[in-house]
Amino acid sequence: MSSMPDETPAARRVVLTGAAGRIGGAVSPLLSERWDLVRTDRHDAVAGVDGVEVLDVTDLEACRAAFVGADAVVHLAGNPSPDATFDELLAPNLVGAYAVAQAAADAGVRRLVLASSLQTMLAVPERVQRRPDDQPRPVNLYGATKAWAEAVGAWAAATSTTSVVALRIGHFSERRPPTDADLHRRIAWLSPRDATELVRAAVEADLPTGVEGFVVANGVSANRHSVAELEQTRRAIGYLPVDDAWDET
C-alpha cells in the first residue's frame, strides 16, 4: 500500500456506509488508522463482520442520528448489479442516496462522498475517453440510479453547507486484470490501494460550499490505457493513483 499524506493527530470522524461490501472492506483498514472511521452496513450484511454497525440507509431518521458529529460521510452502500431490476434498485440506490444526502446536509456534515460509477457513461463509444464533466449517458438502470445519485449530490451541495464529491468508480478488482482479460476490465481497473487513495482524497480535499461545492471525480487506477481522464480529478481533489493494469511486475 502506498503511503498517504499525513493526517492531523485529532482524527476526523467519518461514517462509511456499505462497509461490509467489497470496496468498503478494501478501503477500511488504512482509513481506520487515519480517521475515526465508523463502519456501517445493512442488518443482513453485518453478521459475522467485526466492528460494523447496523445502519439502514433508506431510513432518514436513522441516518440523521448516525451522522451527528461526523466530519464526513462516505456512501458506498447500494445494489451494485448492472443487471438489477428497478424494484431491486429502488430502495438501496434511489431512496438510499436521497436519505443519506438529506441526512448529511441536515447534520451539517462538511463533506459527503457518493459512490457513482463509470456505468453512468456506457452509452459512449469505448474509444472516447470519459471526462468528469461529461453528462451521464447510462445504458442500464443501475447506471441511471448512479446518475440520480450525482443529481442528488449536486442538489445537496447547492442547498446546504455540505460539499459533495461523486466518484465515478470503474472496474474495482482486488487483483490486476490478467493480460487476456476483457479490455474494459483493464482500461477501467481500480485497485484496492488506489480506491483507498480515492476515498481519502475525496474526503480531505479543500472544496468550497454552495453550487461550486459539487465535484464529479473519475475513479480508476493510473492505467496507461484508460477509459477515464484523470487530470481533472487530480486537480479537483488531489487524487494520485499509482497502479497500472498494464504493469507486469
C-alpha atoms as a PDB file:
ATOM      1  CA  MET A   1       0.000   0.000   0.000  1.00  0.00           C
ATOM      2  CA  SER A   2       1.388   3.407  -0.922  1.00  0.00           C
ATOM      3  CA  SER A   3       1.731   5.983   1.829  1.00  0.00           C
ATOM      4  CA  MET A   4      -0.907   8.682   2.147  1.00  0.00           C
ATOM      5  CA  PRO A   5      -0.396  12.321   3.149  1.00  0.00           C
ATOM      6  CA  ASP A   6      -0.179  12.832   6.899  1.00  0.00           C
ATOM      7  CA  GLU A   7      -3.419  13.465   8.747  1.00  0.00           C
ATOM      8  CA  THR A   8      -3.655  15.534  11.907  1.00  0.00           C
ATOM      9  CA  PRO A   9      -3.435  13.567  15.209  1.00  0.00           C
ATOM     10  CA  ALA A  10      -7.003  14.539  16.134  1.00  0.00           C
ATOM     11  CA  ALA A  11      -8.714  12.077  13.804  1.00  0.00           C
ATOM     12  CA  ARG A  12     -11.767  13.229  11.925  1.00  0.00           C
ATOM     13  CA  ARG A  13     -14.960  11.200  12.375  1.00  0.00           C
ATOM     14  CA  VAL A  14     -16.033   9.625   9.096  1.00  0.00           C
ATOM     15  CA  VAL A  15     -19.127   7.434   8.664  1.00  0.00           C
ATOM     16  CA  LEU A  16     -18.770   4.784   5.950  1.00  0.00           C
ATOM     17  CA  THR A  17     -21.845   3.042   4.583  1.00  0.00           C
ATOM     18  CA  GLY A  18     -21.553  -0.264   2.751  1.00  0.00           C
ATOM     19  CA  ALA A  19     -18.549  -1.189   4.901  1.00  0.00           C
ATOM     20  CA  ALA A  20     -19.162  -4.929   4.518  1.00  0.00           C
ATOM     21  CA  GLY A  21     -19.033  -4.684   0.730  1.00  0.00           C
ATOM     22  CA  ARG A  22     -16.013  -5.321  -1.497  1.00  0.00           C
ATOM     23  CA  ILE A  23     -14.846  -1.720  -1.798  1.00  0.00           C
ATOM     24  CA  GLY A  24     -15.814  -0.832   1.765  1.00  0.00           C
ATOM     25  CA  GLY A  25     -13.886  -3.798   3.095  1.00  0.00           C
ATOM     26  CA  ALA A  26     -10.860  -2.945   0.951  1.00  0.00           C
ATOM     27  CA  VAL A  27     -10.548   0.703   1.948  1.00  0.00           C
ATOM     28  CA  SER A  28     -11.387   0.350   5.650  1.00  0.00           C
ATOM     29  CA  PRO A  29      -8.069  -0.961   7.048  1.00  0.00           C
ATOM     30  CA  LEU A  30      -5.859   2.045   6.209  1.00  0.00           C
ATOM     31  CA  LEU A  31      -8.609   4.610   6.569  1.00  0.00           C
ATOM     32  CA  SER A  32      -9.412   3.243  10.049  1.00  0.00           C
ATOM     33  CA  GLU A  33      -5.826   4.043  11.016  1.00  0.00           C
ATOM     34  CA  ARG A  34      -6.117   7.533   9.561  1.00  0.00           C
ATOM     35  CA  TRP A  35      -9.580   8.578  10.753  1.00  0.00           C
ATOM     36  CA  ASP A  36     -12.121   7.752  13.433  1.00  0.00           C
ATOM     37  CA  LEU A  37     -13.933   5.547  10.920  1.00  0.00           C
ATOM     38  CA  VAL A  38     -17.453   4.411  11.806  1.00  0.00           C
ATOM     39  CA  ARG A  39     -18.239   1.441   9.549  1.00  0.00           C
ATOM     40  CA  THR A  40     -21.895   0.669   8.841  1.00  0.00           C
ATOM     41  CA  ASP A  41     -23.977  -1.640   6.659  1.00  0.00           C
ATOM     42  CA  ARG A  42     -27.439  -3.154   6.481  1.00  0.00           C
ATOM     43  CA  HIS A  43     -28.527  -5.689   9.103  1.00  0.00           C
ATOM     44  CA  ASP A  44     -28.136  -8.816   6.960  1.00  0.00           C
ATOM     45  CA  ALA A  45     -24.640  -7.801   5.820  1.00  0.00           C
ATOM     46  CA  VAL A  46     -23.012  -7.220   9.207  1.00  0.00           C
ATOM     47  CA  ALA A  47     -23.450 -10.747  10.572  1.00  0.00           C
ATOM     48  CA  GLY A  48     -20.011 -12.127  11.307  1.00  0.00           C
ATOM     49  CA  VAL A  49     -18.257  -8.884  10.355  1.00  0.00           C
ATOM     50  CA  ASP A  50     -16.470  -7.393  13.356  1.00  0.00           C
ATOM     51  CA  GLY A  51     -16.758  -3.696  14.074  1.00  0.00           C
ATOM     52  CA  VAL A  52     -19.506  -2.893  11.572  1.00  0.00           C
ATOM     53  CA  GLU A  53     -22.624  -1.191  12.922  1.00  0.00           C
ATOM     54  CA  VAL A  54     -26.128  -1.606  11.533  1.00  0.00           C
ATOM     55  CA  LEU A  55     -27.493   1.305   9.503  1.00  0.00           C
ATOM     56  CA  ASP A  56     -30.415   1.205   7.096  1.00  0.00           C
ATOM     57  CA  VAL A  57     -29.568   3.912   4.562  1.00  0.00           C
ATOM     58  CA  THR A  58     -33.206   4.115   3.476  1.00  0.00           C
ATOM     59  CA  ASP A  59     -34.181   5.254   6.997  1.00  0.00           C
ATOM     60  CA  LEU A  60     -33.805   9.044   7.031  1.00  0.00           C
ATOM     61  CA  GLU A  61     -34.069   9.400  10.816  1.00  0.00           C
ATOM     62  CA  ALA A  62     -31.534   6.615  11.410  1.00  0.00           C
ATOM     63  CA  CYS A  63     -29.109   8.323   9.022  1.00  0.00           C
ATOM     64  CA  ARG A  64     -29.581  11.674  10.740  1.00  0.00           C
ATOM     65  CA  ALA A  65     -28.758  10.093  14.093  1.00  0.00           C
ATOM     66  CA  ALA A  66     -25.724   8.250  12.719  1.00  0.00           C
ATOM     67  CA  PHE A  67     -24.260  11.363  11.087  1.00  0.00           C
ATOM     68  CA  VAL A  68     -24.405  13.687  14.098  1.00  0.00           C
ATOM     69  CA  GLY A  69     -20.880  14.939  14.810  1.00  0.00           C
ATOM     70  CA  ALA A  70     -19.397  13.445  11.642  1.00  0.00           C
ATOM     71  CA  ASP A  71     -16.909  15.437   9.598  1.00  0.00           C
ATOM     72  CA  ALA A  72     -17.661  13.343   6.510  1.00  0.00           C
ATOM     73  CA  VAL A  73     -19.918  10.597   5.202  1.00  0.00           C
ATOM     74  CA  VAL A  74     -18.693   8.149   2.560  1.00  0.00           C
ATOM     75  CA  HIS A  75     -21.693   6.468   0.958  1.00  0.00           C
ATOM     76  CA  LEU A  76     -20.739   3.159  -0.684  1.00  0.00           C
ATOM     77  CA  ALA A  77     -23.925   1.234   0.133  1.00  0.00           C
ATOM     78  CA  GLY A  78     -26.214   0.157  -2.678  1.00  0.00           C
ATOM     79  CA  ASN A  79     -27.104  -2.597  -5.094  1.00  0.00           C
ATOM     80  CA  PRO A  80     -24.029  -2.923  -7.389  1.00  0.00           C
ATOM     81  CA  SER A  81     -25.546  -5.158 -10.059  1.00  0.00           C
ATOM     82  CA  PRO A  82     -25.765  -3.749 -13.605  1.00  0.00           C
ATOM     83  CA  ASP A  83     -28.487  -6.352 -14.236  1.00  0.00           C
ATOM     84  CA  ALA A  84     -30.686  -5.329 -11.299  1.00  0.00           C
ATOM     85  CA  THR A  85     -34.331  -4.512 -11.912  1.00  0.00           C
ATOM     86  CA  PHE A  86     -35.960  -1.234 -10.963  1.00  0.00           C
ATOM     87  CA  ASP A  87     -37.645  -2.850  -7.950  1.00  0.00           C
ATOM     88  CA  GLU A  88     -34.264  -4.155  -6.762  1.00  0.00           C
ATOM     89  CA  LEU A  89     -32.643  -0.729  -7.174  1.00  0.00           C
ATOM     90  CA  LEU A  90     -35.411   1.496  -5.842  1.00  0.00           C
ATOM     91  CA  ALA A  91     -34.737   1.272  -2.107  1.00  0.00           C
ATOM     92  CA  PRO A  92     -30.936   0.922  -1.890  1.00  0.00           C
ATOM     93  CA  ASN A  93     -29.907   3.147  -4.800  1.00  0.00           C
ATOM     94  CA  LEU A  94     -32.626   5.770  -5.130  1.00  0.00           C
ATOM     95  CA  VAL A  95     -34.199   6.121  -1.686  1.00  0.00           C
ATOM     96  CA  GLY A  96     -30.852   5.421  -0.007  1.00  0.00           C
ATOM     97  CA  ALA A  97     -28.980   8.105  -1.962  1.00  0.00           C
ATOM     98  CA  TYR A  98     -31.637  10.673  -1.099  1.00  0.00           C
ATOM     99  CA  ALA A  99     -31.811   9.742   2.610  1.00  0.00           C
ATOM    100  CA  VAL A 100     -28.035   9.831   3.027  1.00  0.00           C
ATOM    101  CA  ALA A 101     -27.687  13.173   1.224  1.00  0.00           C
ATOM    102  CA  GLN A 102     -30.579  14.758   3.124  1.00  0.00           C
ATOM    103  CA  ALA A 103     -29.335  13.463   6.476  1.00  0.00           C
ATOM    104  CA  ALA A 104     -25.761  14.618   5.811  1.00  0.00           C
ATOM    105  CA  ALA A 105     -26.980  18.105   4.964  1.00  0.00           C
ATOM    106  CA  ASP A 106     -29.295  18.183   7.989  1.00  0.00           C
ATOM    107  CA  ALA A 107     -26.435  17.106  10.281  1.00  0.00           C
ATOM    108  CA  GLY A 108     -24.113  19.791   8.936  1.00  0.00           C
ATOM    109  CA  VAL A 109     -21.576  17.256   7.656  1.00  0.00           C
ATOM    110  CA  ARG A 110     -18.676  19.038   5.953  1.00  0.00           C
ATOM    111  CA  ARG A 111     -18.188  16.501   3.141  1.00  0.00           C
ATOM    112  CA  LEU A 112     -20.393  13.877   1.545  1.00  0.00           C
ATOM    113  CA  VAL A 113     -18.742  11.366  -0.791  1.00  0.00           C
ATOM    114  CA  LEU A 114     -21.134   9.429  -3.032  1.00  0.00           C
ATOM    115  CA  ALA A 115     -20.265   6.284  -4.964  1.00  0.00           C
ATOM    116  CA  SER A 116     -21.279   6.855  -8.556  1.00  0.00           C
ATOM    117  CA  SER A 117     -19.989   4.666 -11.374  1.00  0.00           C
ATOM    118  CA  LEU A 118     -18.499   4.764 -14.851  1.00  0.00           C
ATOM    119  CA  GLN A 119     -21.640   2.766 -15.691  1.00  0.00           C
ATOM    120  CA  THR A 120     -23.210   6.209 -15.990  1.00  0.00           C
ATOM    121  CA  MET A 121     -21.118   6.657 -19.161  1.00  0.00           C
ATOM    122  CA  LEU A 122     -21.541   3.351 -21.013  1.00  0.00           C
ATOM    123  CA  ALA A 123     -23.645   4.850 -23.812  1.00  0.00           C
ATOM    124  CA  VAL A 124     -20.476   6.409 -25.230  1.00  0.00           C
ATOM    125  CA  PRO A 125     -18.173   4.761 -27.798  1.00  0.00           C
ATOM    126  CA  GLU A 126     -15.376   2.911 -25.991  1.00  0.00           C
ATOM    127  CA  ARG A 127     -12.742   4.818 -27.968  1.00  0.00           C
ATOM    128  CA  VAL A 128     -13.947   8.062 -26.318  1.00  0.00           C
ATOM    129  CA  GLN A 129     -12.264   8.843 -23.021  1.00  0.00           C
ATOM    130  CA  ARG A 130     -14.725   9.785 -20.286  1.00  0.00           C
ATOM    131  CA  ARG A 131     -14.211  13.128 -18.539  1.00  0.00           C
ATOM    132  CA  PRO A 132     -15.694  14.046 -15.150  1.00  0.00           C
ATOM    133  CA  ASP A 133     -17.643  16.940 -16.636  1.00  0.00           C
ATOM    134  CA  ASP A 134     -19.348  14.736 -19.243  1.00  0.00           C
ATOM    135  CA  GLN A 135     -23.089  14.402 -18.776  1.00  0.00           C
ATOM    136  CA  PRO A 136     -24.280  10.899 -17.759  1.00  0.00           C
ATOM    137  CA  ARG A 137     -25.285   8.545 -20.566  1.00  0.00           C
ATOM    138  CA  PRO A 138     -26.180   5.185 -18.962  1.00  0.00           C
ATOM    139  CA  VAL A 139     -27.243   2.043 -20.798  1.00  0.00           C
ATOM    140  CA  ASN A 140     -28.778   0.241 -17.822  1.00  0.00           C
ATOM    141  CA  LEU A 141     -30.962   1.116 -14.847  1.00  0.00           C
ATOM    142  CA  TYR A 142     -28.061   0.693 -12.439  1.00  0.00           C
ATOM    143  CA  GLY A 143     -26.155   3.438 -14.275  1.00  0.00           C
ATOM    144  CA  ALA A 144     -29.305   5.572 -14.260  1.00  0.00           C
ATOM    145  CA  THR A 145     -29.533   5.263 -10.458  1.00  0.00           C
ATOM    146  CA  LYS A 146     -25.935   6.456 -10.195  1.00  0.00           C
ATOM    147  CA  ALA A 147     -26.791   9.442 -12.380  1.00  0.00           C
ATOM    148  CA  TRP A 148     -29.621  10.084  -9.886  1.00  0.00           C
ATOM    149  CA  ALA A 149     -27.112   9.938  -7.020  1.00  0.00           C
ATOM    150  CA  GLU A 150     -24.969  12.553  -8.768  1.00  0.00           C
ATOM    151  CA  ALA A 151     -28.002  14.804  -9.230  1.00  0.00           C
ATOM    152  CA  VAL A 152     -28.974  14.402  -5.572  1.00  0.00           C
ATOM    153  CA  GLY A 153     -25.393  15.257  -4.605  1.00  0.00           C
ATOM    154  CA  ALA A 154     -25.490  18.441  -6.685  1.00  0.00           C
ATOM    155  CA  TRP A 155     -28.799  19.364  -5.035  1.00  0.00           C
ATOM    156  CA  ALA A 156     -27.419  18.763  -1.530  1.00  0.00           C
ATOM    157  CA  ALA A 157     -24.331  20.869  -2.205  1.00  0.00           C
ATOM    158  CA  ALA A 158     -26.353  23.733  -3.682  1.00  0.00           C
ATOM    159  CA  THR A 159     -28.810  23.889  -0.789  1.00  0.00           C
ATOM    160  CA  SER A 160     -26.597  23.310   2.264  1.00  0.00           C
ATOM    161  CA  THR A 161     -23.101  23.811   3.687  1.00  0.00           C
ATOM    162  CA  THR A 162     -22.177  20.212   2.803  1.00  0.00           C
ATOM    163  CA  SER A 163     -19.813  19.891  -0.154  1.00  0.00           C
ATOM    164  CA  VAL A 164     -20.152  16.738  -2.233  1.00  0.00           C
ATOM    165  CA  VAL A 165     -17.815  14.551  -4.293  1.00  0.00           C
ATOM    166  CA  ALA A 166     -19.386  11.940  -6.594  1.00  0.00           C
ATOM    167  CA  LEU A 167     -16.935   9.192  -7.528  1.00  0.00           C
ATOM    168  CA  ARG A 168     -17.427   7.559 -10.923  1.00  0.00           C
ATOM    169  CA  ILE A 169     -15.840   4.287  -9.910  1.00  0.00           C
ATOM    170  CA  GLY A 170     -14.509   1.975 -12.611  1.00  0.00           C
ATOM    171  CA  HIS A 171     -13.944  -1.780 -12.512  1.00  0.00           C
ATOM    172  CA  PHE A 172     -12.846  -2.479  -8.936  1.00  0.00           C
ATOM    173  CA  SER A 173     -10.873  -5.693  -8.522  1.00  0.00           C
ATOM    174  CA  GLU A 174      -8.580  -6.915  -5.781  1.00  0.00           C
ATOM    175  CA  ARG A 175      -6.167  -8.293  -8.391  1.00  0.00           C
ATOM    176  CA  ARG A 176      -4.701  -6.747 -11.518  1.00  0.00           C
ATOM    177  CA  PRO A 177      -6.685  -7.979 -14.543  1.00  0.00           C
ATOM    178  CA  PRO A 178      -4.780 -10.657 -16.481  1.00  0.00           C
ATOM    179  CA  THR A 179      -3.404  -9.790 -19.912  1.00  0.00           C
ATOM    180  CA  ASP A 180      -6.134 -11.839 -21.604  1.00  0.00           C
ATOM    181  CA  ALA A 181      -8.930 -10.120 -19.655  1.00  0.00           C
ATOM    182  CA  ASP A 182     -11.709  -8.206 -21.344  1.00  0.00           C
ATOM    183  CA  LEU A 183     -10.286  -4.842 -22.437  1.00  0.00           C
ATOM    184  CA  HIS A 184     -12.867  -2.846 -20.460  1.00  0.00           C
ATOM    185  CA  ARG A 185     -11.738  -4.504 -17.230  1.00  0.00           C
ATOM    186  CA  ARG A 186      -8.195  -3.284 -17.875  1.00  0.00           C
ATOM    187  CA  ILE A 187      -8.888   0.259 -19.072  1.00  0.00           C
ATOM    188  CA  ALA A 188     -11.330   0.841 -16.182  1.00  0.00           C
ATOM    189  CA  TRP A 189      -9.440  -1.017 -13.432  1.00  0.00           C
ATOM    190  CA  LEU A 190      -9.378   0.418  -9.909  1.00  0.00           C
ATOM    191  CA  SER A 191      -7.050  -1.295  -7.445  1.00  0.00           C
ATOM    192  CA  PRO A 192      -7.681  -1.542  -3.688  1.00  0.00           C
ATOM    193  CA  ARG A 193      -4.889   0.853  -2.761  1.00  0.00           C
ATOM    194  CA  ASP A 194      -5.991   3.371  -5.383  1.00  0.00           C
ATOM    195  CA  ALA A 195      -9.579   3.017  -4.140  1.00  0.00           C
ATOM    196  CA  THR A 196      -8.290   3.871  -0.667  1.00  0.00           C
ATOM    197  CA  GLU A 197      -6.439   6.906  -2.026  1.00  0.00           C
ATOM    198  CA  LEU A 198      -9.542   7.948  -3.984  1.00  0.00           C
ATOM    199  CA  VAL A 199     -11.731   7.955  -0.877  1.00  0.00           C
ATOM    200  CA  ARG A 200      -9.045   9.715   1.173  1.00  0.00           C
ATOM    201  CA  ALA A 201      -8.673  12.445  -1.429  1.00  0.00           C
ATOM    202  CA  ALA A 202     -12.436  12.897  -1.765  1.00  0.00           C
ATOM    203  CA  VAL A 203     -12.850  13.321   1.996  1.00  0.00           C
ATOM    204  CA  GLU A 204      -9.852  15.563   2.635  1.00  0.00           C
ATOM    205  CA  ALA A 205      -9.920  17.831  -0.435  1.00  0.00           C
ATOM    206  CA  ASP A 206     -10.409  21.533   0.224  1.00  0.00           C
ATOM    207  CA  LEU A 207     -13.618  22.473  -1.567  1.00  0.00           C
ATOM    208  CA  PRO A 208     -15.943  25.475  -1.471  1.00  0.00           C
ATOM    209  CA  THR A 209     -19.565  25.225  -0.406  1.00  0.00           C
ATOM    210  CA  GLY A 210     -22.700  26.053  -2.335  1.00  0.00           C
ATOM    211  CA  VAL A 211     -23.161  25.469  -6.053  1.00  0.00           C
ATOM    212  CA  GLU A 212     -19.370  25.291  -6.514  1.00  0.00           C
ATOM    213  CA  GLY A 213     -19.110  22.650  -3.802  1.00  0.00           C
ATOM    214  CA  PHE A 214     -20.081  19.722  -6.043  1.00  0.00           C
ATOM    215  CA  VAL A 215     -17.397  17.706  -7.823  1.00  0.00           C
ATOM    216  CA  VAL A 216     -17.593  14.658 -10.066  1.00  0.00           C
ATOM    217  CA  ALA A 217     -14.362  12.631  -9.977  1.00  0.00           C
ATOM    218  CA  ASN A 218     -13.254   9.664 -12.062  1.00  0.00           C
ATOM    219  CA  GLY A 219     -12.200   6.622 -10.061  1.00  0.00           C
ATOM    220  CA  VAL A 220      -9.767   4.399 -11.939  1.00  0.00           C
ATOM    221  CA  SER A 221      -6.134   3.475 -11.403  1.00  0.00           C
ATOM    222  CA  ALA A 222      -3.203   5.019 -13.295  1.00  0.00           C
ATOM    223  CA  ASN A 223      -3.698   2.694 -16.259  1.00  0.00           C
ATOM    224  CA  ARG A 224      -1.556   3.624 -19.231  1.00  0.00           C
ATOM    225  CA  HIS A 225      -4.561   2.947 -21.456  1.00  0.00           C
ATOM    226  CA  SER A 226      -7.514   4.397 -19.592  1.00  0.00           C
ATOM    227  CA  VAL A 227     -11.207   4.809 -20.291  1.00  0.00           C
ATOM    228  CA  ALA A 228     -11.319   7.758 -17.886  1.00  0.00           C
ATOM    229  CA  GLU A 229      -9.457  11.067 -17.923  1.00  0.00           C
ATOM    230  CA  LEU A 230      -7.775  11.668 -14.554  1.00  0.00           C
ATOM    231  CA  GLU A 231      -6.179  15.115 -14.761  1.00  0.00           C
ATOM    232  CA  GLN A 232      -9.396  16.921 -13.855  1.00  0.00           C
ATOM    233  CA  THR A 233      -9.819  14.625 -10.854  1.00  0.00           C
ATOM    234  CA  ARG A 234      -6.232  15.198  -9.744  1.00  0.00           C
ATOM    235  CA  ARG A 235      -6.720  18.956  -9.883  1.00  0.00           C
ATOM    236  CA  ALA A 236     -10.112  18.871  -8.181  1.00  0.00           C
ATOM    237  CA  ILE A 237      -9.392  16.599  -5.211  1.00  0.00           C
ATOM    238  CA  GLY A 238      -5.680  15.720  -5.327  1.00  0.00           C
ATOM    239  CA  TYR A 239      -6.162  12.063  -6.263  1.00  0.00           C
ATOM    240  CA  LEU A 240      -2.814  10.391  -7.071  1.00  0.00           C
ATOM    241  CA  PRO A 241      -3.228   6.741  -8.179  1.00  0.00           C
ATOM    242  CA  VAL A 242      -0.186   4.513  -8.590  1.00  0.00           C
ATOM    243  CA  ASP A 243      -1.309   1.159 -10.019  1.00  0.00           C
ATOM    244  CA  ASP A 244      -1.439   0.262 -13.712  1.00  0.00           C
ATOM    245  CA  ALA A 245      -3.333  -2.626 -15.273  1.00  0.00           C
ATOM    246  CA  TRP A 246      -0.506  -2.984 -17.803  1.00  0.00           C
ATOM    247  CA  ASP A 247       2.263  -3.209 -15.188  1.00  0.00           C
ATOM    248  CA  GLU A 248       3.507  -6.810 -15.322  1.00  0.00           C
ATOM    249  CA  THR A 249       5.905  -6.538 -12.362  1.00  0.00           C
END
